[in-house]
Amino acid sequence: MAAAVGAAGVRHEPARAPWVDRHFRWLLVAPATFVILLVGLFPFVYTLLVSFQNITMLEEDTSFQGFANYARLLSDTRFWEALGHTLIFLAIALPAELVLGFLLALLFLEKMPGRQIFVALIVLPVVVSPIVAGATWRLLFDNRFGPINQILSWIAGEPVTILWINNPTFVYPAILLAEIWQWTPFMFLLLWAALNEVDRSQLEAAEIDGASWWQRLWWVVLPAIRPVVIIALLIRGLDLFRLFDVVWGLTRGGPGTMTETISIYTYVVGFQQFETSYAAAMALVIILLLSAVVMTALDRVAIAR
């Protein structure tokens, strides 16, 4: 602001606003920022410190141990197997949920009788707690009393006794079925909302130009919803990477450790074997991996926009 000039030709500098007025907007957000840092940053720093110590059920050695816990991770076969199991679930469930959710969104894009009722029914699995969903599917897959084997027996015309939870051949399909059943509606909701926001004038212009349905989908619809697709994949990808509830409710990581995910192994190490420092190192590695994935995905979203 230019300085004011008085009648006598003397320049008068404007009075500076008080410090509180100049920083009032920052003062408003300061309490929320402090709470977020306290809730988010303090556990991270504490986990980092514990990971360099040797705290177990038998001893509480808080002296600096260097990178001993991280070096142990490199030679921990069970850790890498759990990471591999997690990536298998991620690689199969995430594309399946995306494709099925997108197809459902396309199906309900047009007006149809009772659409709101059908959408509400489809979304119901998301409301169920994952641990409850896992336990429920365990009952459904039960060999003696579960309805799934009974339905298969009716179809086959003879008794079908599939040990879904104990048979290594069927345990992965059982977990994937439960996971996809519960979280495909989440993908459906996000993609349905995105499809409803696609510019109809562009679709009409492409149709007038002679573009087929597939061409309109590929060149108009998919580029328009690309940021939403990336965010949906990011959210579900993070959830699948820390998959715990459904697997724990169904198999508890069994048979043996065949379906043990990285989250289940961390839980076992930290809360059943009470190797606190080693579990902290494991959790920190997971946090760093997920942070790298999040930053990469956000860069993709920025490019897409």
Protein backbone atom coordinates (compact mmCIF):
# COMPACT_ATOMS: atom_id res chain seq x y z
CA MET A 1 0.00 0.00 0.00
CA ALA A 2 1.41 3.36 -0.95
CA ALA A 3 2.20 5.76 1.85
CA ALA A 4 -0.27 8.60 2.38
CA VAL A 5 0.88 12.22 1.79
CA GLY A 6 -0.39 14.86 4.21
CA ALA A 7 -1.30 18.47 3.47
CA ALA A 8 2.16 19.65 4.52
CA GLY A 9 3.81 17.21 2.15
CA VAL A 10 4.82 14.84 4.96
CA ARG A 11 4.58 11.13 4.08
CA HIS A 12 2.68 9.13 6.65
CA GLU A 13 3.40 5.36 6.69
CA PRO A 14 0.25 3.30 7.33
CA ALA A 15 0.11 1.71 10.74
CA ARG A 16 0.95 -2.00 10.66
CA ALA A 17 -1.81 -4.31 11.79
CA PRO A 18 -1.27 -6.07 15.10
CA TRP A 19 0.55 -9.41 14.99
CA VAL A 20 -2.63 -11.29 15.88
CA ASP A 21 -4.54 -9.77 12.95
CA ARG A 22 -1.73 -10.53 10.49
CA HIS A 23 -1.50 -14.18 11.55
CA PHE A 24 -5.13 -14.75 12.48
CA ARG A 25 -5.74 -17.36 9.75
CA TRP A 26 -2.75 -19.39 10.91
CA LEU A 27 -3.91 -19.18 14.50
CA LEU A 28 -7.27 -20.62 13.49
CA VAL A 29 -5.75 -23.76 11.97
CA ALA A 30 -2.97 -24.12 14.56
CA PRO A 31 -4.99 -26.28 17.04
CA ALA A 32 -6.11 -28.70 14.33
CA THR A 33 -2.57 -28.86 12.89
CA PHE A 34 -1.14 -29.58 16.34
CA VAL A 35 -3.63 -32.40 16.94
CA ILE A 36 -2.90 -33.94 13.53
CA LEU A 37 0.86 -33.82 14.16
CA LEU A 38 0.40 -35.23 17.63
CA VAL A 39 -1.77 -38.10 16.43
CA GLY A 40 0.20 -38.84 13.26
CA LEU A 41 3.78 -37.76 13.82
CA PHE A 42 4.33 -38.88 17.42
CA PRO A 43 3.53 -42.59 16.79
CA PHE A 44 5.81 -42.53 13.74
CA VAL A 45 8.72 -41.04 15.70
CA TYR A 46 8.12 -43.42 18.61
CA THR A 47 8.01 -46.42 16.25
CA LEU A 48 11.23 -45.23 14.63
CA LEU A 49 12.98 -45.02 18.01
CA VAL A 50 11.71 -48.41 19.17
CA SER A 51 12.87 -50.04 15.93
CA PHE A 52 16.47 -49.21 16.85
CA GLN A 53 16.11 -50.82 20.28
CA ASN A 54 15.67 -54.40 21.54
CA ILE A 55 12.37 -54.52 23.41
CA THR A 56 10.87 -57.99 23.79
CA MET A 57 8.66 -59.84 26.25
CA LEU A 58 11.71 -61.02 28.20
CA GLU A 59 13.77 -57.82 28.30
CA GLU A 60 13.43 -54.10 27.73
CA ASP A 61 16.74 -53.07 26.29
CA THR A 62 16.35 -49.45 25.18
CA SER A 63 19.98 -49.03 24.16
CA PHE A 64 20.77 -48.26 20.54
CA GLN A 65 21.02 -51.48 18.53
CA GLY A 66 21.74 -49.95 15.16
CA PHE A 67 20.09 -51.58 12.15
CA ALA A 68 19.98 -55.05 13.69
CA ASN A 69 16.20 -55.36 13.35
CA TYR A 70 16.27 -54.20 9.75
CA ALA A 71 19.09 -56.62 8.93
CA ARG A 72 17.00 -59.38 10.45
CA LEU A 73 14.17 -58.48 8.08
CA LEU A 74 16.39 -59.17 5.07
CA SER A 75 16.93 -62.77 6.16
CA ASP A 76 13.41 -63.39 7.52
CA THR A 77 11.89 -65.87 5.07
CA ARG A 78 8.48 -65.68 6.71
CA PHE A 79 8.40 -61.90 6.27
CA TRP A 80 9.08 -62.15 2.53
CA GLU A 81 6.53 -64.94 2.17
CA ALA A 82 3.93 -62.78 3.93
CA LEU A 83 4.80 -59.89 1.61
CA GLY A 84 4.38 -62.24 -1.36
CA HIS A 85 0.96 -63.40 -0.12
CA THR A 86 -0.09 -59.77 0.26
CA LEU A 87 0.99 -58.90 -3.27
CA ILE A 88 -0.93 -61.91 -4.63
CA PHE A 89 -4.13 -60.69 -2.98
CA LEU A 90 -3.42 -57.18 -4.26
CA ALA A 91 -2.68 -58.27 -7.83
CA ILE A 92 -5.87 -60.34 -8.15
CA ALA A 93 -8.45 -58.52 -6.02
CA LEU A 94 -7.69 -54.95 -7.10
CA PRO A 95 -8.23 -55.42 -10.88
CA ALA A 96 -11.26 -57.65 -10.23
CA GLU A 97 -12.88 -55.03 -7.99
CA LEU A 98 -12.11 -52.28 -10.50
CA VAL A 99 -13.57 -54.15 -13.47
CA LEU A 100 -16.66 -55.39 -11.62
CA GLY A 101 -17.27 -51.99 -10.05
CA PHE A 102 -16.94 -50.28 -13.43
CA LEU A 103 -19.34 -52.72 -15.08
CA LEU A 104 -21.89 -52.18 -12.30
CA ALA A 105 -21.48 -48.41 -12.65
CA LEU A 106 -22.15 -48.64 -16.38
CA LEU A 107 -25.18 -50.85 -15.72
CA PHE A 108 -26.77 -48.38 -13.30
CA LEU A 109 -25.82 -45.28 -15.29
CA GLU A 110 -29.09 -45.32 -17.20
CA LYS A 111 -32.48 -44.80 -15.62
CA MET A 112 -34.21 -48.02 -14.61
CA PRO A 113 -37.14 -48.95 -12.35
CA GLY A 114 -36.08 -49.43 -8.74
CA ARG A 115 -32.52 -48.25 -9.32
CA GLN A 116 -32.20 -46.71 -5.85
CA ILE A 117 -33.29 -49.96 -4.20
CA PHE A 118 -30.79 -52.04 -6.18
CA VAL A 119 -27.96 -49.59 -5.45
CA ALA A 120 -28.76 -49.71 -1.73
CA LEU A 121 -28.68 -53.53 -1.79
CA ILE A 122 -25.37 -53.58 -3.67
CA VAL A 123 -23.74 -51.21 -1.16
CA LEU A 124 -24.74 -53.31 1.87
CA PRO A 125 -21.50 -55.39 2.02
CA VAL A 126 -19.43 -52.23 2.52
CA VAL A 127 -21.39 -51.48 5.71
CA VAL A 128 -20.43 -54.83 7.25
CA SER A 129 -17.31 -54.86 9.42
CA PRO A 130 -14.50 -56.75 7.63
CA ILE A 131 -13.84 -59.03 10.61
CA VAL A 132 -17.56 -59.87 10.75
CA ALA A 133 -17.55 -60.47 6.99
CA GLY A 134 -14.61 -62.85 7.35
CA ALA A 135 -16.29 -64.78 10.15
CA THR A 136 -19.55 -64.93 8.18
CA TRP A 137 -17.82 -66.31 5.10
CA ARG A 138 -16.09 -68.86 7.32
CA LEU A 139 -19.54 -70.14 8.31
CA LEU A 140 -20.66 -70.11 4.67
CA PHE A 141 -17.64 -72.19 3.68
CA ASP A 142 -18.08 -74.64 6.55
CA ASN A 143 -17.78 -78.22 5.29
CA ARG A 144 -20.67 -79.69 7.27
CA PHE A 145 -23.16 -76.86 7.77
CA GLY A 146 -22.16 -74.22 5.21
CA PRO A 147 -24.65 -73.51 2.41
CA ILE A 148 -21.99 -73.21 -0.30
CA ASN A 149 -21.08 -76.89 -0.28
CA GLN A 150 -24.77 -77.77 -0.07
CA ILE A 151 -25.59 -75.66 -3.15
CA LEU A 152 -22.69 -77.23 -5.04
CA SER A 153 -23.98 -80.66 -4.01
CA TRP A 154 -27.43 -79.84 -5.42
CA ILE A 155 -25.87 -78.68 -8.68
CA ALA A 156 -23.54 -81.68 -8.97
CA GLY A 157 -26.21 -84.18 -7.93
CA GLU A 158 -23.84 -85.78 -5.43
CA PRO A 159 -22.25 -84.79 -2.10
CA VAL A 160 -19.52 -82.16 -2.50
CA THR A 161 -17.08 -81.84 0.40
CA ILE A 162 -14.66 -79.02 -0.34
CA LEU A 163 -12.50 -77.94 2.59
CA TRP A 164 -12.39 -74.31 1.55
CA ILE A 165 -10.47 -73.07 4.58
CA ASN A 166 -8.04 -75.97 5.00
CA ASN A 167 -7.32 -77.01 1.42
CA PRO A 168 -4.38 -75.06 -0.11
CA THR A 169 -6.07 -75.28 -3.51
CA PHE A 170 -9.26 -73.51 -2.44
CA VAL A 171 -8.19 -71.23 0.39
CA TYR A 172 -7.05 -68.38 -1.89
CA PRO A 173 -10.26 -68.41 -3.97
CA ALA A 174 -12.26 -68.37 -0.72
CA ILE A 175 -10.45 -65.30 0.62
CA LEU A 176 -10.56 -63.50 -2.72
CA LEU A 177 -14.28 -64.18 -3.07
CA ALA A 178 -14.98 -62.69 0.35
CA GLU A 179 -12.74 -59.68 -0.29
CA ILE A 180 -14.13 -58.94 -3.75
CA TRP A 181 -17.71 -59.40 -2.52
CA GLN A 182 -17.24 -56.82 0.20
CA TRP A 183 -15.28 -54.10 -1.59
CA THR A 184 -16.51 -54.15 -5.18
CA PRO A 185 -19.49 -51.95 -4.11
CA PHE A 186 -16.99 -49.35 -2.87
CA MET A 187 -15.41 -49.19 -6.33
CA PHE A 188 -18.89 -49.09 -7.83
CA LEU A 189 -19.90 -46.03 -5.82
CA LEU A 190 -16.79 -44.04 -6.75
CA LEU A 191 -16.94 -44.92 -10.43
CA TRP A 192 -20.70 -44.41 -10.60
CA ALA A 193 -20.33 -40.90 -9.20
CA ALA A 194 -17.51 -40.18 -11.67
CA LEU A 195 -19.51 -41.46 -14.65
CA ASN A 196 -22.45 -39.27 -13.72
CA GLU A 197 -20.16 -36.22 -13.96
CA VAL A 198 -18.91 -36.95 -17.49
CA ASP A 199 -19.77 -34.13 -19.89
CA ARG A 200 -22.76 -35.36 -21.91
CA SER A 201 -22.12 -32.84 -24.68
CA GLN A 202 -18.79 -34.51 -25.49
CA LEU A 203 -20.48 -37.90 -25.70
CA GLU A 204 -23.20 -36.50 -27.96
CA ALA A 205 -20.61 -34.81 -30.18
CA ALA A 206 -18.63 -38.05 -30.47
CA GLU A 207 -21.80 -39.95 -31.34
CA ILE A 208 -22.69 -37.41 -34.03
CA ASP A 209 -19.17 -37.82 -35.47
CA GLY A 210 -19.85 -41.52 -35.85
CA ALA A 211 -17.89 -42.88 -32.88
CA SER A 212 -18.99 -46.31 -31.69
CA TRP A 213 -19.88 -47.12 -28.09
CA TRP A 214 -16.41 -48.57 -27.47
CA GLN A 215 -14.72 -45.55 -29.02
CA ARG A 216 -16.76 -43.17 -26.88
CA LEU A 217 -15.88 -45.22 -23.82
CA TRP A 218 -12.16 -45.32 -24.62
CA TRP A 219 -11.61 -41.77 -25.88
CA VAL A 220 -14.17 -39.76 -23.89
CA VAL A 221 -15.35 -41.56 -20.75
CA LEU A 222 -12.12 -43.16 -19.50
CA PRO A 223 -9.97 -39.99 -19.84
CA ALA A 224 -12.67 -38.01 -18.03
CA ILE A 225 -12.79 -40.36 -15.02
CA ARG A 226 -9.06 -41.19 -14.97
CA PRO A 227 -8.27 -39.14 -11.80
CA VAL A 228 -11.12 -40.83 -9.93
CA VAL A 229 -9.95 -44.26 -11.11
CA ILE A 230 -6.42 -43.56 -9.85
CA ILE A 231 -7.72 -42.41 -6.46
CA ALA A 232 -10.01 -45.46 -6.22
CA LEU A 233 -7.10 -47.76 -7.04
CA LEU A 234 -4.94 -45.96 -4.49
CA ILE A 235 -7.50 -46.29 -1.69
CA ARG A 236 -8.24 -49.95 -2.36
CA GLY A 237 -4.59 -50.73 -3.02
CA LEU A 238 -3.60 -49.36 0.38
CA ASP A 239 -6.42 -51.32 2.03
CA LEU A 240 -5.35 -54.53 0.31
CA PHE A 241 -1.70 -54.02 1.20
CA ARG A 242 -2.65 -53.92 4.86
CA LEU A 243 -5.21 -56.72 4.48
CA PHE A 244 -5.93 -58.26 7.87
CA ASP A 245 -9.57 -58.55 8.93
CA VAL A 246 -11.07 -60.82 6.28
CA VAL A 247 -8.09 -63.18 6.25
CA TRP A 248 -7.96 -63.31 10.04
CA GLY A 249 -11.68 -64.01 10.27
CA LEU A 250 -11.47 -66.74 7.62
CA THR A 251 -8.16 -68.55 8.08
CA ARG A 252 -6.02 -66.68 10.66
CA GLY A 253 -3.25 -66.94 8.10
CA GLY A 254 -3.61 -70.71 7.60
CA PRO A 255 -3.33 -73.41 6.63
CA GLY A 256 0.04 -73.02 8.31
CA THR A 257 1.25 -69.63 7.12
CA MET A 258 0.04 -70.03 3.54
CA THR A 259 -2.31 -67.02 3.60
CA GLU A 260 -0.46 -64.95 6.17
CA THR A 261 -0.34 -61.33 5.02
CA ILE A 262 2.22 -58.75 6.09
CA SER A 263 -0.26 -57.20 8.54
CA ILE A 264 -1.03 -60.56 10.14
CA TYR A 265 2.66 -61.39 10.48
CA THR A 266 3.33 -58.00 12.07
CA TYR A 267 0.46 -58.61 14.50
CA VAL A 268 1.79 -62.07 15.38
CA VAL A 269 5.31 -60.76 15.96
CA GLY A 270 4.21 -57.73 17.98
CA PHE A 271 1.23 -59.00 19.99
CA GLN A 272 1.71 -62.76 20.24
CA GLN A 273 5.49 -63.16 20.27
CA PHE A 274 5.95 -59.70 21.89
CA GLU A 275 9.02 -58.78 19.84
CA THR A 276 8.15 -55.11 19.98
CA SER A 277 11.26 -53.63 18.37
CA TYR A 278 11.26 -56.11 15.51
CA ALA A 279 7.56 -55.45 14.88
CA ALA A 280 8.28 -51.70 14.92
CA ALA A 281 10.96 -52.14 12.26
CA MET A 282 8.52 -54.16 10.19
CA ALA A 283 5.80 -51.53 10.56
CA LEU A 284 8.21 -48.75 9.59
CA VAL A 285 9.21 -50.57 6.40
CA ILE A 286 5.52 -50.96 5.53
CA ILE A 287 4.91 -47.25 6.17
CA LEU A 288 7.79 -46.26 3.90
CA LEU A 289 6.58 -48.57 1.13
CA LEU A 290 3.02 -47.23 1.33
CA SER A 291 4.27 -43.63 1.42
CA ALA A 292 6.21 -44.22 -1.80
CA VAL A 293 3.11 -45.69 -3.43
CA VAL A 294 0.94 -42.76 -2.30
CA MET A 295 3.36 -40.15 -3.61
CA THR A 296 3.63 -41.93 -6.96
CA ALA A 297 -0.16 -42.18 -7.28
CA LEU A 298 -0.64 -38.51 -6.38
CA ASP A 299 1.87 -37.53 -9.05
CA ARG A 300 -0.15 -39.58 -11.54
CA VAL A 301 -3.33 -37.77 -10.48
CA ALA A 302 -1.62 -34.39 -10.95
CA ILE A 303 -0.50 -35.43 -14.44
CA ALA A 304 -3.99 -36.72 -15.30
CA ARG A 305 -5.51 -33.38 -14.34
